[in-house]
Protein backbone atom coordinates (compact mmCIF):
# COMPACT_ATOMS: atom_id res chain seq x y z
CA MET A 1 -18.29 -3.85 6.06
CA PHE A 2 -16.92 -1.99 9.31
CA VAL A 3 -17.75 -5.20 11.25
CA VAL A 4 -15.67 -7.27 9.00
CA ILE A 5 -12.80 -4.94 9.00
CA PHE A 6 -13.13 -4.52 12.90
CA GLY A 7 -13.15 -8.36 13.21
CA VAL A 8 -10.00 -8.73 11.14
CA PHE A 9 -8.19 -6.07 13.34
CA LEU A 10 -9.42 -7.83 16.41
CA GLY A 11 -8.00 -11.23 15.10
CA PHE A 12 -4.63 -9.54 14.32
CA GLN A 13 -4.51 -7.95 17.90
CA LEU A 14 -5.17 -11.26 19.50
CA THR A 15 -2.63 -13.08 17.51
CA VAL A 16 -0.04 -10.45 18.44
CA TRP A 17 -1.09 -10.45 22.04
CA ASN A 18 -0.82 -14.30 22.18
CA ALA A 19 2.54 -14.22 20.54
CA LYS A 20 4.00 -11.75 23.15
CA LEU A 21 2.53 -13.99 26.02
CA ALA A 22 4.13 -17.01 24.64
CA ASN A 23 7.43 -15.23 24.55
CA GLN A 24 7.01 -13.95 28.01
CA ARG A 25 6.45 -17.46 29.17
CA ARG A 26 9.49 -18.83 27.09
CA GLU A 27 11.65 -15.85 28.61
CA ALA A 28 10.50 -16.67 32.18
CA GLY A 29 11.43 -20.40 31.65
CA ILE A 30 15.00 -19.32 30.06
CA LEU A 31 15.66 -17.03 33.21
CA ARG A 32 14.57 -19.64 35.73
CA GLN A 33 17.13 -22.07 33.85
CA ILE A 34 19.78 -19.47 34.04
CA ALA A 35 19.24 -18.84 37.68
CA ALA A 36 19.33 -22.74 38.36
CA ASP A 37 22.65 -22.78 36.49
CA LEU A 38 24.11 -19.95 38.50
CA GLN A 39 23.21 -21.82 41.71
CA GLU A 40 24.86 -25.08 40.61
CA ASP A 41 28.05 -23.37 39.27
CA PRO A 42 29.63 -22.72 42.74
CA GLN A 43 29.10 -26.34 43.57
CA GLN A 44 30.51 -27.59 40.41
CA ILE A 45 33.62 -25.40 40.86
CA ALA A 46 34.17 -26.57 44.26
CA ALA A 47 33.96 -30.10 43.12
CA ALA A 48 36.42 -29.39 40.24
CA SER A 49 38.82 -27.67 42.83
CA THR A 50 38.79 -30.64 45.13
CA VAL A 51 39.63 -33.07 42.45
CA THR A 52 42.58 -30.76 40.94
CA LEU A 53 43.89 -30.60 44.67
CA ARG A 54 43.77 -34.16 44.93
CA ARG A 55 45.41 -34.75 41.57
CA MET A 56 47.98 -32.15 42.44
CA SER A 57 48.80 -33.74 45.82
CA ALA A 58 48.96 -37.20 44.12
CA ALA A 59 51.48 -35.78 41.50
CA HIS A 60 53.53 -34.14 44.36
CA TYR A 61 53.51 -37.43 46.31
CA VAL A 62 54.61 -39.40 43.28
CA ILE A 63 57.43 -37.00 42.38
CA LYS A 64 58.72 -36.84 45.93
CA GLN A 65 58.77 -40.67 46.11
CA ALA A 66 60.38 -40.89 42.84
CA THR A 67 63.20 -38.30 43.18
CA GLY A 68 63.54 -37.85 47.00
CA LYS A 69 62.98 -34.07 46.27
CA SER A 70 60.14 -31.96 47.08
CA VAL A 71 58.12 -29.95 44.60
CA ASP A 72 58.72 -26.28 44.92
CA ARG A 73 56.56 -25.21 47.84
CA LEU A 74 55.99 -21.84 46.44
CA ASN A 75 53.64 -23.33 43.93
CA THR A 76 51.46 -25.21 46.65
CA HIS A 77 51.42 -21.95 48.90
CA ARG A 78 49.98 -19.97 45.92
CA LEU A 79 46.78 -22.22 46.42
CA GLY A 80 46.69 -21.16 50.04
CA GLN A 81 46.30 -24.66 51.30
CA PRO A 82 49.70 -26.51 51.69
CA ASP A 83 48.44 -28.60 54.62
CA ARG A 84 45.47 -29.76 52.60
CA LEU A 85 47.67 -30.77 49.72
CA ALA A 86 49.75 -32.96 51.76
CA GLY A 87 46.66 -34.71 53.22
CA HIS A 88 45.38 -35.37 49.76
CA ALA A 89 48.75 -36.82 48.77
CA ARG A 90 48.65 -39.10 51.58
CA ALA A 91 45.13 -40.33 50.68
CA ALA A 92 45.97 -40.74 47.22
CA ALA A 93 48.96 -42.93 47.99
CA ALA A 94 46.68 -45.11 50.38
CA ARG A 95 44.41 -45.85 47.53
């Protein structure tokens, strides 16, 4: 009788151990994915920033061409890259 009880107990322990091992593997996979996402985020932010600056530059160029007036330079100086904006506006206009 003792052998049967010990066998059942051992079976439960192996099941618990196997479930913990599976959870640890799943957790490690999730952490690897989070790490990969965190490495990609700066690249995606930089790309989005570039696209936004190009669109802003194009809008600035169009407004200046349509009205003859420059957009408030204070807004572009807040970005810290007024020269870069002007370059993007010329490039956007050339397309």
